[in-house]
Amino acid sequence: MAKDEPPRRGRVTKPDTSEQHMRLMDQKVKTARKRKHSSTLWLRRQLNDPYVAKAKAEGYRSRAAFKIQELDDKFRLFRPDSLVVDLGAAPGGWVQIAMERGARAVIGIDLIFVEPIGGLDFVQKDFMDPDAPAVIEKMLGGAPDLVMSDLAANTTGHRKTDHLRTVALVEAAADYAMSSLKPGGHFVTKVFQGGAEKALLDRLKAHFKTVKHAKPKSSRDGSPEMYLVALGFKG
């Protein structure tokens, strides 16, 4: 869903987080009989999140659009006429930013269907399926300039299990990036609990010129998520 006036590159307008504004946004969610308490808390958080409201006002599909926007402002991830792979593309907020900032096309993959976006070539599929990289490669028709991953495992409530699942996704995304990127390309992925594992960091540092962790301001307070950015693939 295109906007009439997309934001300028390098500029992020901060939501109004003043005390008066936040009081006005402090909406309460009535607890339905069949709704879990955790679901009620999630709904209230969504209603009271200024970035959720800002995304809706500006035509972005999710608040996550501001995260990749901030990361691009800092690291210059998107190049003019770039070819981008988006792992975990739903609902499409990152795709929207990629197209606004000069990408010629985005190849997206996700288990959840993504409504059409201009410039997006999408496949509804689990990235962890053995044939997923081959499917993406066929859709690409060439090496990508950027691989970005916002993949997240479904949580079980068991901290160790959830951590291992997340680590597996990050490693799979990194493996794909290092096997597909063109020289000079970039890779960005979501990580949790203090950042990437040391073994993965060492591998990335051996294949990229610069590897850094970053936490966008648009990430929720208290969220364990952060992002790993690897720049300048050595090939």
Protein backbone atom coordinates (compact mmCIF):
# COMPACT_ATOMS: atom_id res chain seq x y z
CA MET A 1 0.00 0.00 0.00
CA ALA A 2 1.90 2.98 -1.31
CA LYS A 3 1.92 6.32 0.44
CA ASP A 4 1.49 9.67 -1.29
CA GLU A 5 4.64 11.10 0.22
CA PRO A 6 7.20 8.48 1.37
CA PRO A 7 9.64 9.63 4.05
CA ARG A 8 12.98 10.98 2.91
CA ARG A 9 16.02 8.74 3.12
CA GLY A 10 18.00 9.18 6.28
CA ARG A 11 15.15 10.77 8.21
CA VAL A 12 13.05 9.10 10.91
CA THR A 13 10.21 11.08 12.46
CA LYS A 14 9.89 10.12 16.11
CA PRO A 15 6.41 9.39 17.44
CA ASP A 16 4.99 11.71 20.07
CA THR A 17 5.91 10.06 23.35
CA SER A 18 5.11 13.03 25.58
CA GLU A 19 3.41 12.32 28.90
CA GLN A 20 0.19 13.99 27.76
CA HIS A 21 0.13 12.01 24.53
CA MET A 22 0.78 8.72 26.29
CA ARG A 23 -2.06 9.41 28.75
CA LEU A 24 -4.39 9.94 25.81
CA MET A 25 -3.23 6.66 24.29
CA ASP A 26 -3.58 4.68 27.50
CA GLN A 27 -6.51 2.67 26.28
CA LYS A 28 -7.74 -0.26 28.32
CA VAL A 29 -8.74 -3.61 26.93
CA LYS A 30 -11.63 -5.41 28.54
CA THR A 31 -10.85 -8.98 29.40
CA ALA A 32 -13.17 -11.33 27.56
CA ARG A 33 -14.16 -14.54 29.29
CA LYS A 34 -12.38 -16.74 26.75
CA ARG A 35 -9.34 -14.52 26.27
CA LYS A 36 -6.13 -15.39 28.07
CA HIS A 37 -4.64 -12.75 30.33
CA SER A 38 -1.47 -12.74 28.18
CA SER A 39 -3.59 -11.98 25.10
CA THR A 40 -5.26 -9.09 26.89
CA LEU A 41 -1.86 -7.67 27.84
CA TRP A 42 -0.67 -7.99 24.22
CA LEU A 43 -3.77 -6.17 22.92
CA ARG A 44 -3.34 -3.35 25.39
CA ARG A 45 0.33 -3.01 24.46
CA GLN A 46 -0.61 -2.81 20.80
CA LEU A 47 -3.26 -0.16 21.39
CA ASN A 48 -0.93 1.96 23.51
CA ASP A 49 2.17 1.62 21.30
CA PRO A 50 2.96 4.93 19.52
CA TYR A 51 4.85 3.11 16.74
CA VAL A 52 1.79 0.97 16.00
CA ALA A 53 -0.27 4.14 15.63
CA LYS A 54 2.44 5.78 13.51
CA ALA A 55 2.69 2.74 11.21
CA LYS A 56 -1.07 2.81 10.67
CA ALA A 57 -1.06 6.55 10.00
CA GLU A 58 1.78 6.30 7.46
CA GLY A 59 0.48 3.23 5.66
CA TYR A 60 3.05 0.72 6.87
CA ARG A 61 1.93 -2.83 7.51
CA SER A 62 3.72 -3.17 10.83
CA ARG A 63 5.71 -1.20 13.39
CA ALA A 64 8.73 -3.29 12.33
CA ALA A 65 9.05 -0.99 9.30
CA PHE A 66 10.62 1.62 11.57
CA LYS A 67 13.23 -0.86 12.78
CA ILE A 68 14.65 -1.56 9.32
CA GLN A 69 14.28 2.16 8.52
CA GLU A 70 16.47 3.04 11.49
CA LEU A 71 19.00 0.33 10.64
CA ASP A 72 19.23 1.61 7.08
CA ASP A 73 19.71 5.17 8.30
CA LYS A 74 22.68 3.99 10.36
CA PHE A 75 24.26 1.34 8.11
CA ARG A 76 23.06 2.18 4.56
CA LEU A 77 21.77 -1.31 3.86
CA PHE A 78 19.79 -0.52 0.70
CA ARG A 79 21.51 0.41 -2.52
CA PRO A 80 19.90 1.94 -5.61
CA ASP A 81 18.48 -0.78 -7.85
CA SER A 82 19.37 -3.48 -5.32
CA LEU A 83 18.04 -7.04 -5.24
CA VAL A 84 16.83 -7.99 -1.76
CA VAL A 85 15.82 -11.23 -0.05
CA ASP A 86 13.42 -10.92 2.90
CA LEU A 87 13.29 -14.01 5.13
CA GLY A 88 10.15 -13.88 7.25
CA ALA A 89 8.55 -11.22 5.08
CA ALA A 90 5.06 -11.09 6.65
CA PRO A 91 3.25 -8.78 6.92
CA GLY A 92 5.43 -6.73 4.56
CA GLY A 93 6.69 -3.69 6.48
CA TRP A 94 10.32 -4.35 5.62
CA VAL A 95 9.41 -4.83 1.96
CA GLN A 96 7.74 -1.42 1.91
CA ILE A 97 10.87 0.27 3.27
CA ALA A 98 13.11 -1.62 0.84
CA MET A 99 11.08 -0.44 -2.14
CA GLU A 100 10.92 3.14 -0.84
CA ARG A 101 14.67 3.19 -0.50
CA GLY A 102 15.65 2.09 -3.96
CA ALA A 103 15.38 -1.70 -4.22
CA ARG A 104 14.36 -2.88 -7.68
CA ALA A 105 12.83 -6.08 -6.32
CA VAL A 106 12.34 -8.05 -3.10
CA ILE A 107 12.08 -11.82 -2.95
CA GLY A 108 10.09 -12.70 0.17
CA ILE A 109 9.40 -15.97 1.94
CA ASP A 110 7.17 -16.70 4.92
CA LEU A 111 4.77 -19.30 6.27
CA ILE A 112 2.19 -16.51 6.55
CA PHE A 113 0.71 -15.13 3.35
CA VAL A 114 1.72 -11.58 2.41
CA GLU A 115 -0.78 -9.43 0.56
CA PRO A 116 0.67 -8.13 -2.75
CA ILE A 117 3.12 -5.23 -2.64
CA GLY A 118 4.59 -3.61 -5.73
CA GLY A 119 8.09 -5.00 -6.29
CA LEU A 120 7.58 -8.09 -4.11
CA ASP A 121 7.88 -11.62 -5.49
CA PHE A 122 6.58 -13.81 -2.67
CA VAL A 123 6.50 -17.52 -1.90
CA GLN A 124 4.48 -18.90 1.01
CA LYS A 125 6.82 -21.49 2.43
CA ASP A 126 8.80 -22.45 5.53
CA PHE A 127 12.36 -21.16 5.12
CA MET A 128 13.59 -24.16 7.11
CA ASP A 129 12.34 -26.56 4.42
CA PRO A 130 15.37 -28.21 2.73
CA ASP A 131 14.39 -26.93 -0.72
CA ALA A 132 13.68 -23.33 0.35
CA PRO A 133 17.09 -21.89 -0.71
CA ALA A 134 16.73 -23.45 -4.15
CA VAL A 135 13.23 -22.02 -4.53
CA ILE A 136 14.50 -18.54 -3.61
CA GLU A 137 17.48 -18.86 -5.96
CA LYS A 138 15.19 -19.71 -8.87
CA MET A 139 13.04 -16.66 -8.10
CA LEU A 140 16.07 -14.37 -7.79
CA GLY A 141 17.80 -15.02 -11.09
CA GLY A 142 21.03 -13.62 -9.64
CA ALA A 143 22.95 -12.96 -6.43
CA PRO A 144 21.21 -10.59 -3.98
CA ASP A 145 22.71 -7.35 -2.66
CA LEU A 146 21.04 -7.73 0.73
CA VAL A 147 19.62 -10.59 2.78
CA MET A 148 17.44 -9.44 5.66
CA SER A 149 15.81 -11.75 8.18
CA ASP A 150 13.12 -10.99 10.73
CA LEU A 151 12.48 -14.70 11.30
CA ALA A 152 11.17 -15.67 14.72
CA ALA A 153 10.36 -19.12 16.05
CA ASN A 154 6.95 -19.90 17.52
CA THR A 155 7.39 -19.82 21.28
CA THR A 156 6.70 -22.86 23.46
CA GLY A 157 7.03 -21.15 26.82
CA HIS A 158 10.13 -23.21 27.57
CA ARG A 159 13.00 -20.69 27.62
CA LYS A 160 15.79 -23.08 26.59
CA THR A 161 13.76 -24.64 23.77
CA ASP A 162 12.72 -21.25 22.43
CA HIS A 163 16.33 -20.04 22.54
CA LEU A 164 17.57 -23.06 20.60
CA ARG A 165 14.87 -22.57 17.95
CA THR A 166 15.80 -18.93 17.55
CA VAL A 167 19.50 -19.76 17.28
CA ALA A 168 18.72 -22.32 14.57
CA LEU A 169 16.81 -19.71 12.54
CA VAL A 170 19.59 -17.12 12.86
CA GLU A 171 22.22 -19.66 11.81
CA ALA A 172 20.12 -20.82 8.85
CA ALA A 173 19.63 -17.22 7.69
CA ALA A 174 23.36 -16.53 8.05
CA ASP A 175 24.27 -19.70 6.14
CA TYR A 176 21.94 -18.67 3.34
CA ALA A 177 23.40 -15.15 3.23
CA MET A 178 26.98 -16.39 3.05
CA SER A 179 26.10 -18.84 0.28
CA SER A 180 24.11 -16.43 -1.88
CA LEU A 181 25.22 -12.79 -1.47
CA LYS A 182 27.22 -11.03 -4.13
CA PRO A 183 30.60 -9.62 -3.06
CA GLY A 184 30.08 -6.41 -1.10
CA GLY A 185 26.57 -7.42 -0.09
CA HIS A 186 25.02 -7.02 3.35
CA PHE A 187 23.15 -9.19 5.86
CA VAL A 188 20.88 -8.18 8.75
CA THR A 189 19.03 -10.51 11.10
CA LYS A 190 17.04 -10.38 14.31
CA VAL A 191 18.67 -12.03 17.32
CA PHE A 192 17.70 -12.36 20.98
CA GLN A 193 19.12 -12.68 24.48
CA GLY A 194 22.24 -10.57 24.22
CA GLY A 195 23.09 -11.13 20.56
CA ALA A 196 24.42 -13.87 18.32
CA GLU A 197 26.37 -16.88 19.50
CA LYS A 198 30.16 -16.45 19.49
CA ALA A 199 30.71 -19.21 16.93
CA LEU A 200 28.35 -17.51 14.48
CA LEU A 201 29.92 -14.11 15.12
CA ASP A 202 33.36 -15.54 14.38
CA ARG A 203 32.11 -17.00 11.09
CA LEU A 204 30.49 -13.76 10.04
CA LYS A 205 33.58 -11.75 10.93
CA ALA A 206 35.60 -14.04 8.69
CA HIS A 207 33.26 -13.42 5.73
CA PHE A 208 32.23 -9.77 6.19
CA LYS A 209 34.28 -6.61 6.60
CA THR A 210 32.15 -5.27 9.48
CA VAL A 211 29.87 -7.08 11.96
CA LYS A 212 27.91 -5.16 14.61
CA HIS A 213 24.93 -5.48 16.94
CA ALA A 214 22.32 -2.72 17.01
CA LYS A 215 19.03 -2.08 18.82
CA PRO A 216 16.68 0.35 17.04
CA LYS A 217 14.87 2.88 19.20
CA SER A 218 11.60 1.54 17.78
CA SER A 219 12.19 -1.83 19.49
CA ARG A 220 9.90 -2.10 22.48
CA ASP A 221 11.30 -1.29 25.90
CA GLY A 222 12.10 -4.50 27.69
CA SER A 223 12.17 -6.57 24.50
CA PRO A 224 15.18 -8.93 24.28
CA GLU A 225 15.40 -8.47 20.51
CA MET A 226 18.28 -6.76 18.79
CA TYR A 227 19.74 -6.93 15.30
CA LEU A 228 22.98 -8.29 13.92
CA VAL A 229 24.32 -6.36 10.92
CA ALA A 230 27.08 -7.76 8.68
CA LEU A 231 28.41 -5.40 6.02
CA GLY A 232 30.66 -5.94 3.01
CA PHE A 233 30.52 -9.63 2.11
CA LYS A 234 33.99 -10.78 1.07
CA GLY A 235 32.72 -13.52 -1.23
